C-alpha atoms as a PDB file:
ATOM      1  CA  MET A   1     -74.700 -54.029 -11.671  1.00  0.00           C
ATOM      2  CA  SER A   2     -72.656 -57.112 -11.171  1.00  0.00           C
ATOM      3  CA  THR A   3     -69.655 -57.301  -8.863  1.00  0.00           C
ATOM      4  CA  ASP A   4     -67.353 -57.647 -11.878  1.00  0.00           C
ATOM      5  CA  GLU A   5     -68.538 -54.342 -13.259  1.00  0.00           C
ATOM      6  CA  ASN A   6     -68.048 -52.777  -9.837  1.00  0.00           C
ATOM      7  CA  ARG A   7     -64.605 -54.117  -9.586  1.00  0.00           C
ATOM      8  CA  ASN A   8     -63.770 -52.832 -13.104  1.00  0.00           C
ATOM      9  CA  GLU A   9     -65.047 -49.424 -12.186  1.00  0.00           C
ATOM     10  CA  GLN A  10     -63.006 -49.439  -8.983  1.00  0.00           C
ATOM     11  CA  VAL A  11     -59.813 -50.481 -10.825  1.00  0.00           C
ATOM     12  CA  GLU A  12     -60.457 -47.812 -13.407  1.00  0.00           C
ATOM     13  CA  GLU A  13     -60.903 -45.223 -10.667  1.00  0.00           C
ATOM     14  CA  GLU A  14     -57.791 -46.432  -8.893  1.00  0.00           C
ATOM     15  CA  LEU A  15     -55.842 -46.280 -12.172  1.00  0.00           C
ATOM     16  CA  LYS A  16     -57.199 -42.860 -12.825  1.00  0.00           C
ATOM     17  CA  GLU A  17     -56.211 -41.681  -9.342  1.00  0.00           C
ATOM     18  CA  ALA A  18     -52.774 -43.273  -9.670  1.00  0.00           C
ATOM     19  CA  THR A  19     -52.249 -41.567 -13.065  1.00  0.00           C
ATOM     20  CA  GLU A  20     -53.355 -38.222 -11.669  1.00  0.00           C
ATOM     21  CA  ALA A  21     -51.067 -38.624  -8.690  1.00  0.00           C
ATOM     22  CA  ALA A  22     -48.188 -39.530 -10.952  1.00  0.00           C
ATOM     23  CA  ALA A  23     -48.849 -36.554 -13.113  1.00  0.00           C
ATOM     24  CA  GLU A  24     -48.940 -34.292 -10.072  1.00  0.00           C
ATOM     25  CA  ASP A  25     -45.636 -35.754  -8.829  1.00  0.00           C
ATOM     26  CA  ALA A  26     -44.129 -35.212 -12.161  1.00  0.00           C
ATOM     27  CA  GLU A  27     -45.314 -31.629 -12.257  1.00  0.00           C
ATOM     28  CA  ALA A  28     -43.962 -31.009  -8.811  1.00  0.00           C
ATOM     29  CA  SER A  29     -40.541 -32.557  -9.611  1.00  0.00           C
ATOM     30  CA  GLY A  30     -40.483 -30.546 -12.897  1.00  0.00           C
ATOM     31  CA  ALA A  31     -41.217 -27.355 -10.895  1.00  0.00           C
ATOM     32  CA  GLU A  32     -38.447 -28.200  -8.468  1.00  0.00           C
ATOM     33  CA  ASN A  33     -36.026 -28.796 -11.364  1.00  0.00           C
ATOM     34  CA  GLU A  34     -37.130 -25.557 -12.941  1.00  0.00           C
ATOM     35  CA  GLY A  35     -36.655 -23.783  -9.567  1.00  0.00           C
ATOM     36  CA  SER A  36     -33.132 -25.124  -9.142  1.00  0.00           C
ATOM     37  CA  GLU A  37     -32.241 -24.206 -12.700  1.00  0.00           C
ATOM     38  CA  VAL A  38     -33.512 -20.667 -12.115  1.00  0.00           C
ATOM     39  CA  GLU A  39     -31.331 -20.484  -8.940  1.00  0.00           C
ATOM     40  CA  VAL A  40     -28.278 -21.691 -10.860  1.00  0.00           C
ATOM     41  CA  LEU A  41     -28.921 -19.167 -13.608  1.00  0.00           C
ATOM     42  CA  LYS A  42     -29.400 -16.324 -11.087  1.00  0.00           C
ATOM     43  CA  ALA A  43     -26.114 -17.199  -9.422  1.00  0.00           C
ATOM     44  CA  GLN A  44     -24.352 -17.195 -12.769  1.00  0.00           C
ATOM     45  CA  VAL A  45     -25.766 -13.798 -13.688  1.00  0.00           C
ATOM     46  CA  GLN A  46     -24.774 -12.334 -10.347  1.00  0.00           C
ATOM     47  CA  GLU A  47     -21.227 -13.695 -10.715  1.00  0.00           C
ATOM     48  CA  ALA A  48     -20.985 -12.257 -14.227  1.00  0.00           C
ATOM     49  CA  GLN A  49     -22.121  -8.840 -12.982  1.00  0.00           C
ATOM     50  CA  GLU A  50     -19.578  -8.834 -10.171  1.00  0.00           C
ATOM     51  CA  GLN A  51     -16.833  -9.760 -12.609  1.00  0.00           C
ATOM     52  CA  MET A  52     -17.934  -6.975 -14.948  1.00  0.00           C
ATOM     53  CA  LEU A  53     -17.812  -4.479 -12.033  1.00  0.00           C
ATOM     54  CA  ARG A  54     -14.346  -5.659 -11.011  1.00  0.00           C
ATOM     55  CA  SER A  55     -13.198  -5.279 -14.575  1.00  0.00           C
ATOM     56  CA  GLN A  56     -14.634  -1.799 -14.833  1.00  0.00           C
ATOM     57  CA  ALA A  57     -12.939  -0.771 -11.551  1.00  0.00           C
ATOM     58  CA  GLU A  58      -9.602  -2.158 -12.752  1.00  0.00           C
ATOM     59  CA  MET A  59      -9.876  -0.273 -16.003  1.00  0.00           C
ATOM     60  CA  GLN A  60     -10.588   2.943 -14.143  1.00  0.00           C
ATOM     61  CA  ASN A  61      -7.464   2.352 -11.987  1.00  0.00           C
ATOM     62  CA  VAL A  62      -5.295   1.726 -15.040  1.00  0.00           C
ATOM     63  CA  ARG A  63      -6.679   4.855 -16.694  1.00  0.00           C
ATOM     64  CA  ARG A  64      -5.952   6.983 -13.671  1.00  0.00           C
ATOM     65  CA  ARG A  65      -2.379   5.563 -13.298  1.00  0.00           C
ATOM     66  CA  ALA A  66      -1.765   6.286 -17.025  1.00  0.00           C
ATOM     67  CA  GLU A  67      -3.093   9.824 -16.661  1.00  0.00           C
ATOM     68  CA  ILE A  68      -0.781  10.440 -13.643  1.00  0.00           C
ATOM     69  CA  ASP A  69       2.182   9.036 -15.614  1.00  0.00           C
ATOM     70  CA  VAL A  70       1.437  11.261 -18.600  1.00  0.00           C
ATOM     71  CA  GLU A  71       1.039  14.317 -16.304  1.00  0.00           C
ATOM     72  CA  LYS A  72       4.467  13.559 -14.679  1.00  0.00           C
ATOM     73  CA  ALA A  73       6.072  13.058 -18.064  1.00  0.00           C
ATOM     74  CA  HIS A  74       4.803  16.435 -19.206  1.00  0.00           C
ATOM     75  CA  LYS A  75       5.827  18.072 -15.942  1.00  0.00           C
ATOM     76  CA  PHE A  76       9.356  16.688 -15.709  1.00  0.00           C
ATOM     77  CA  ALA A  77      10.263  16.202 -19.399  1.00  0.00           C
ATOM     78  CA  LEU A  78      12.583  19.157 -19.197  1.00  0.00           C
ATOM     79  CA  GLU A  79      14.571  17.833 -16.253  1.00  0.00           C
ATOM     80  CA  LYS A  80      17.576  16.635 -18.267  1.00  0.00           C
ATOM     81  CA  PHE A  81      17.555  19.796 -20.343  1.00  0.00           C
ATOM     82  CA  VAL A  82      17.522  21.903 -17.131  1.00  0.00           C
ATOM     83  CA  LYS A  83      20.415  19.937 -15.712  1.00  0.00           C
ATOM     84  CA  GLU A  84      22.458  20.641 -18.804  1.00  0.00           C
ATOM     85  CA  LEU A  85      21.698  24.410 -18.570  1.00  0.00           C
ATOM     86  CA  LEU A  86      22.535  24.868 -14.885  1.00  0.00           C
ATOM     87  CA  PRO A  87      26.360  25.049 -15.445  1.00  0.00           C
ATOM     88  CA  VAL A  88      25.677  27.922 -17.823  1.00  0.00           C
ATOM     89  CA  ALA A  89      23.873  29.801 -15.013  1.00  0.00           C
ATOM     90  CA  ASP A  90      26.783  28.936 -12.648  1.00  0.00           C
ATOM     91  CA  SER A  91      29.360  30.286 -15.104  1.00  0.00           C
ATOM     92  CA  LEU A  92      27.413  33.530 -15.543  1.00  0.00           C
ATOM     93  CA  GLU A  93      27.134  34.002 -11.833  1.00  0.00           C
ATOM     94  CA  LYS A  94      30.830  33.385 -11.372  1.00  0.00           C
ATOM     95  CA  ALA A  95      31.555  35.949 -14.100  1.00  0.00           C
ATOM     96  CA  VAL A  96      29.449  38.490 -12.319  1.00  0.00           C
ATOM     97  CA  GLU A  97      31.165  37.703  -8.981  1.00  0.00           C
ATOM     98  CA  SER A  98      34.646  38.001 -10.457  1.00  0.00           C
ATOM     99  CA  THR A  99      33.943  41.468 -11.886  1.00  0.00           C
ATOM    100  CA  GLU A 100      32.788  42.612  -8.415  1.00  0.00           C
ATOM    101  CA  ALA A 101      36.305  42.324  -7.077  1.00  0.00           C
ATOM    102  CA  ASN A 102      37.707  44.241 -10.126  1.00  0.00           C
ATOM    103  CA  GLU A 103      35.269  47.168 -10.305  1.00  0.00           C
ATOM    104  CA  ASN A 104      38.132  49.704  -9.946  1.00  0.00           C
ATOM    105  CA  THR A 105      39.856  48.557 -13.094  1.00  0.00           C
ATOM    106  CA  GLY A 106      37.727  50.647 -15.396  1.00  0.00           C
ATOM    107  CA  GLU A 107      34.757  50.961 -17.657  1.00  0.00           C
ATOM    108  CA  LEU A 108      35.599  47.846 -19.650  1.00  0.00           C
ATOM    109  CA  VAL A 109      35.098  45.546 -16.641  1.00  0.00           C
ATOM    110  CA  ALA A 110      31.932  47.480 -15.660  1.00  0.00           C
ATOM    111  CA  SER A 111      30.454  47.071 -19.177  1.00  0.00           C
ATOM    112  CA  ILE A 112      31.359  43.345 -19.228  1.00  0.00           C
ATOM    113  CA  ARG A 113      29.788  42.947 -15.812  1.00  0.00           C
ATOM    114  CA  GLU A 114      26.652  44.693 -16.930  1.00  0.00           C
ATOM    115  CA  GLY A 115      26.407  42.557 -20.039  1.00  0.00           C
ATOM    116  CA  VAL A 116      26.892  39.352 -18.100  1.00  0.00           C
ATOM    117  CA  GLU A 117      24.340  40.439 -15.452  1.00  0.00           C
ATOM    118  CA  MET A 118      21.779  41.144 -18.196  1.00  0.00           C
ATOM    119  CA  THR A 119      22.484  37.736 -19.785  1.00  0.00           C
ATOM    120  CA  LEU A 120      22.179  36.033 -16.375  1.00  0.00           C
ATOM    121  CA  ASN A 121      18.905  37.872 -15.661  1.00  0.00           C
ATOM    122  CA  LEU A 122      17.517  36.897 -19.042  1.00  0.00           C
ATOM    123  CA  PHE A 123      18.607  33.272 -18.569  1.00  0.00           C
ATOM    124  CA  THR A 124      17.053  33.173 -15.072  1.00  0.00           C
ATOM    125  CA  ALA A 125      13.763  34.643 -16.367  1.00  0.00           C
ATOM    126  CA  SER A 126      13.734  31.966 -19.119  1.00  0.00           C
ATOM    127  CA  LEU A 127      14.145  29.269 -16.545  1.00  0.00           C
ATOM    128  CA  LYS A 128      11.339  30.677 -14.424  1.00  0.00           C
ATOM    129  CA  LYS A 129       8.947  30.391 -17.415  1.00  0.00           C
ATOM    130  CA  PHE A 130       9.446  26.650 -17.224  1.00  0.00           C
ATOM    131  CA  ASN A 131       8.848  26.562 -13.441  1.00  0.00           C
ATOM    132  CA  VAL A 132      12.592  26.245 -12.585  1.00  0.00           C
ATOM    133  CA  GLU A 133      13.229  27.910  -9.168  1.00  0.00           C
ATOM    134  CA  GLN A 134      16.562  28.789  -7.733  1.00  0.00           C
ATOM    135  CA  LEU A 135      17.566  27.610  -4.226  1.00  0.00           C
ATOM    136  CA  ASN A 136      19.650  30.217  -2.428  1.00  0.00           C
ATOM    137  CA  PRO A 137      19.023  29.216   1.143  1.00  0.00           C
ATOM    138  CA  VAL A 138      21.305  31.604   3.095  1.00  0.00           C
ATOM    139  CA  GLY A 139      19.947  32.045   6.585  1.00  0.00           C
ATOM    140  CA  GLU A 140      17.410  29.206   6.287  1.00  0.00           C
ATOM    141  CA  PRO A 141      17.487  26.051   8.314  1.00  0.00           C
ATOM    142  CA  PHE A 142      19.411  23.169   6.781  1.00  0.00           C
ATOM    143  CA  ASP A 143      17.071  20.834   4.826  1.00  0.00           C
ATOM    144  CA  PRO A 144      18.676  17.537   3.669  1.00  0.00           C
ATOM    145  CA  GLN A 145      15.944  17.175   1.110  1.00  0.00           C
ATOM    146  CA  GLN A 146      17.050  20.324  -0.740  1.00  0.00           C
ATOM    147  CA  HIS A 147      20.562  21.075   0.543  1.00  0.00           C
ATOM    148  CA  GLU A 148      23.930  19.242   0.477  1.00  0.00           C
ATOM    149  CA  ALA A 149      26.183  20.198   3.362  1.00  0.00           C
ATOM    150  CA  MET A 150      29.758  20.736   2.202  1.00  0.00           C
ATOM    151  CA  SER A 151      31.093  21.714   5.673  1.00  0.00           C
ATOM    152  CA  MET A 152      30.100  22.916   9.079  1.00  0.00           C
ATOM    153  CA  VAL A 153      31.676  26.065  10.562  1.00  0.00           C
ATOM    154  CA  PRO A 154      31.334  27.811  13.900  1.00  0.00           C
ATOM    155  CA  ALA A 155      29.045  30.839  13.404  1.00  0.00           C
ATOM    156  CA  PRO A 156      28.125  32.563  16.712  1.00  0.00           C
ATOM    157  CA  ASP A 157      25.783  35.027  14.903  1.00  0.00           C
ATOM    158  CA  ALA A 158      23.798  32.276  13.110  1.00  0.00           C
ATOM    159  CA  GLU A 159      21.327  29.756  14.373  1.00  0.00           C
ATOM    160  CA  PRO A 160      22.816  26.242  14.789  1.00  0.00           C
ATOM    161  CA  ASN A 161      22.149  24.047  11.701  1.00  0.00           C
ATOM    162  CA  SER A 162      21.296  27.037   9.570  1.00  0.00           C
ATOM    163  CA  VAL A 163      22.848  27.778   6.190  1.00  0.00           C
ATOM    164  CA  VAL A 164      25.615  30.457   6.496  1.00  0.00           C
ATOM    165  CA  ALA A 165      26.960  30.322   2.948  1.00  0.00           C
ATOM    166  CA  VAL A 166      25.939  28.847  -0.449  1.00  0.00           C
ATOM    167  CA  VAL A 167      28.809  27.257  -2.436  1.00  0.00           C
ATOM    168  CA  GLN A 168      26.558  26.437  -5.406  1.00  0.00           C
ATOM    169  CA  LYS A 169      22.884  27.322  -5.711  1.00  0.00           C
ATOM    170  CA  GLY A 170      20.346  24.562  -6.107  1.00  0.00           C
ATOM    171  CA  TYR A 171      17.388  24.330  -8.457  1.00  0.00           C
ATOM    172  CA  LEU A 172      13.843  22.965  -8.325  1.00  0.00           C
ATOM    173  CA  LEU A 173      11.691  21.940 -11.392  1.00  0.00           C
ATOM    174  CA  ASN A 174       7.988  22.072 -10.523  1.00  0.00           C
ATOM    175  CA  GLY A 175       8.890  21.622  -6.870  1.00  0.00           C
ATOM    176  CA  ARG A 176      11.173  18.626  -7.483  1.00  0.00           C
ATOM    177  CA  VAL A 177      14.843  19.000  -6.672  1.00  0.00           C
ATOM    178  CA  VAL A 178      16.894  18.950  -9.884  1.00  0.00           C
ATOM    179  CA  ARG A 179      20.111  19.801  -8.055  1.00  0.00           C
ATOM    180  CA  PRO A 180      20.454  20.366  -4.300  1.00  0.00           C
ATOM    181  CA  ALA A 181      22.120  23.522  -3.083  1.00  0.00           C
ATOM    182  CA  MET A 182      25.703  22.973  -1.832  1.00  0.00           C
ATOM    183  CA  VAL A 183      25.898  24.851   1.425  1.00  0.00           C
ATOM    184  CA  VAL A 184      28.012  25.635   4.546  1.00  0.00           C
ATOM    185  CA  VAL A 185      26.077  24.953   7.725  1.00  0.00           C
ATOM    186  CA  ALA A 186      26.541  26.673  11.119  1.00  0.00           C
ATOM    187  CA  LYS A 187      27.861  24.335  13.745  1.00  0.00           C
ATOM    188  CA  ALA A 188      25.952  24.161  17.029  1.00  0.00           C
ATOM    189  CA  ALA A 189      27.976  25.758  19.861  1.00  0.00           C
ATOM    190  CA  ASP A 190      29.372  23.200  22.358  1.00  0.00           C
ATOM    191  CA  ALA A 191      27.289  22.901  25.437  1.00  0.00           C
ATOM    192  CA  PRO A 192      29.087  24.240  28.519  1.00  0.00           C
ATOM    193  CA  LYS A 193      30.298  21.500  30.855  1.00  0.00           C
ATOM    194  CA  ILE A 194      28.438  21.205  34.113  1.00  0.00           C
ATOM    195  CA  ASP A 195      30.650  21.290  37.208  1.00  0.00           C
ATOM    196  CA  GLU A 196      29.977  17.915  38.899  1.00  0.00           C
ATOM    197  CA  GLN A 197      31.354  19.096  42.326  1.00  0.00           C
ATOM    198  CA  ALA A 198      28.787  21.864  42.664  1.00  0.00           C
END
C-alpha cells in the first residue's frame, strides 16, 4: 500500500468519524429540544387542569349561592303579605279587649266577643300554618332585636330591663322579625347613695 492510499483511508476514517460525531450531536440536541418541548407541554397541561379546577369550584359556589337565595325567597316570600295581615289581627285583638270591659251589658256583647275571639283564633291558626309566630314578651328580658321600647316605668315587682307590658304584639316569620313587639320596660331602681362620711 502506498502512502497516498493510507492517507486516503485515514481521511475517509476521519470523515466517517466526524460525520458520526455530528450525527450524535444532532441526535443529542434533538433529544434536548424534544425534552424541553415535553416540559413546556406538561406545564401547559398542568395550568389548564388548575384552571379547570378553579372554574369547577367557582361554579359550585355560584350554584350554592343560588340555592340559598332560592331557599330564602321561598321562606320569606310571604313577608309583605304577613305585614298586610297583621293590622287585622291587631283589630280583632282590640275588639276582644273592648268587649271585656263591657261584659255586663248583656248577651249581645258576649256573643260578639265570642264571634270575634273565634275569628281571631282562626286567623292566628292560619298564620301559624305559614310559620308566623306571635311575640308577646310580658315578663321576658328586653331584647332590642325583637322588641321596641315605647317607655320605661318603675316596676318594683319586675326585674330591671324586663318587659312589663306589651302595647302591640310583634311577629316572626320563620324566625325573622316581621314586626317588633312594642313594649313597656321596667326601669332599674336607682342605686342607693353611699354615705361618703362613713
